[in-house]
């Protein structure tokens, strides 16, 4: 009776182990089949695209913030002062030549 018990326990363990191994092998075969590899590639591509879009949005936001800091530091957004109007209606031109009145007439 004792031997029959251990024989049935061994047979049950063998059936259970072979069932588990069979399921694992089938799962690996599905994952590494061309369809399974394609599905994994699509999911990886979608995840990478989403991460790339998130990264680009973060870069745009940070660059806009940094540009604002630089504009504030340099003062680019300040309004320029209005130009002053000339005091008279006369326009002053610079002379090209200087006339010198020497005693010698040169």
Protein backbone atom coordinates (compact mmCIF):
# COMPACT_ATOMS: atom_id res chain seq x y z
CA UNK A 1 0.00 0.00 0.00
CA UNK A 2 2.84 2.36 0.82
CA UNK A 3 4.45 1.80 -2.58
CA UNK A 4 1.16 2.43 -4.38
CA UNK A 5 0.77 5.75 -2.56
CA UNK A 6 4.25 6.96 -3.53
CA UNK A 7 3.76 5.71 -7.08
CA UNK A 8 0.56 7.80 -7.41
CA UNK A 9 2.24 10.85 -5.82
CA UNK A 10 5.16 10.56 -8.27
CA UNK A 11 2.82 10.09 -11.23
CA UNK A 12 0.74 13.11 -10.19
CA UNK A 13 3.85 15.26 -9.76
CA UNK A 14 5.12 14.15 -13.16
CA UNK A 15 1.80 14.97 -14.85
CA UNK A 16 1.67 18.39 -13.13
CA UNK A 17 5.29 19.21 -14.02
CA UNK A 18 4.90 18.12 -17.64
CA UNK A 19 1.69 20.20 -17.91
CA UNK A 20 3.48 23.30 -16.56
CA UNK A 21 6.46 22.79 -18.88
CA UNK A 22 4.14 22.32 -21.85
CA UNK A 23 2.29 25.59 -21.07
CA UNK A 24 5.55 27.48 -20.69
CA UNK A 25 6.94 26.12 -23.98
CA UNK A 26 3.70 27.01 -25.80
CA UNK A 27 3.80 30.53 -24.36
CA UNK A 28 7.41 31.00 -25.43
CA UNK A 29 6.61 29.64 -28.88
CA UNK A 30 3.76 32.16 -29.23
CA UNK A 31 5.94 35.03 -28.01
CA UNK A 32 8.78 34.23 -30.38
CA UNK A 33 6.65 33.43 -33.41
CA UNK A 34 6.66 36.07 -36.18
CA UNK A 35 3.23 37.31 -35.08
CA UNK A 36 4.28 37.52 -31.45
CA UNK A 37 7.45 39.42 -32.30
CA UNK A 38 5.45 41.80 -34.49
CA UNK A 39 2.95 42.46 -31.69
CA UNK A 40 5.78 43.18 -29.24
CA UNK A 41 7.45 45.48 -31.77
CA UNK A 42 4.22 47.43 -32.30
CA UNK A 43 3.71 47.84 -28.56
CA UNK A 44 7.33 48.92 -28.10
CA UNK A 45 7.00 51.39 -30.99
CA UNK A 46 3.83 52.88 -29.56
CA UNK A 47 5.44 53.25 -26.17
CA UNK A 48 8.54 54.82 -27.68
CA UNK A 49 6.42 57.25 -29.71
CA UNK A 50 4.48 58.26 -26.63
CA UNK A 51 7.69 58.77 -24.64
CA UNK A 52 9.18 60.79 -27.51
CA UNK A 53 6.11 63.04 -27.69
CA UNK A 54 6.25 63.57 -23.92
CA UNK A 55 9.96 64.40 -24.14
CA UNK A 56 9.41 66.88 -26.99
CA UNK A 57 6.60 68.60 -25.08
CA UNK A 58 8.80 68.87 -22.00
CA UNK A 59 11.68 70.30 -24.06
CA UNK A 60 9.38 72.91 -25.62
CA UNK A 61 8.01 73.94 -22.23
CA UNK A 62 11.45 74.20 -20.64
CA UNK A 63 12.92 76.10 -23.60
CA UNK A 64 10.04 78.59 -23.48
CA UNK A 65 10.62 79.10 -19.76
CA UNK A 66 14.37 79.57 -20.31
CA UNK A 67 13.76 82.00 -23.16
CA UNK A 68 11.48 84.02 -20.89
CA UNK A 69 14.21 84.10 -18.23
CA UNK A 70 16.77 85.28 -20.77
CA UNK A 71 14.46 87.94 -22.20
CA UNK A 72 13.83 89.24 -18.70
CA UNK A 73 17.55 89.27 -17.89
CA UNK A 74 18.48 91.10 -21.10
CA UNK A 75 15.44 93.36 -21.12
CA UNK A 76 14.27 92.61 -24.65
CA UNK A 77 10.59 93.05 -23.83
CA UNK A 78 10.95 96.57 -22.50
CA UNK A 79 9.40 99.37 -24.55
CA UNK A 80 11.81 101.65 -26.31
CA UNK A 81 11.76 105.34 -25.39
CA UNK A 82 10.17 107.71 -27.87
CA UNK A 83 12.69 109.65 -29.98
CA UNK A 84 13.06 113.30 -29.06
CA UNK A 85 11.87 115.88 -31.55
CA UNK A 86 14.48 118.32 -32.86
CA UNK A 87 14.58 121.69 -31.08
CA UNK A 88 14.26 123.75 -34.18
CA UNK A 89 13.11 123.20 -37.68
CA UNK A 90 16.71 123.62 -38.83
CA UNK A 91 18.62 120.61 -39.96
CA UNK A 92 22.29 120.56 -39.13
CA UNK A 93 24.63 118.95 -41.61
CA UNK A 94 28.20 118.05 -40.93
CA UNK A 95 30.70 119.74 -43.16
CA UNK A 96 33.09 117.74 -45.22
CA UNK A 97 35.75 120.37 -45.35
CA UNK A 98 36.86 122.83 -42.79
CA UNK A 99 37.63 126.35 -43.95
CA UNK A 100 40.44 127.92 -42.06
CA UNK A 101 41.08 131.65 -42.29
CA UNK A 102 44.75 132.08 -41.65
CA UNK A 103 46.69 135.27 -41.91
CA UNK A 104 48.52 133.80 -44.89
CA UNK A 105 45.31 132.97 -46.75
CA UNK A 106 45.74 129.30 -46.78
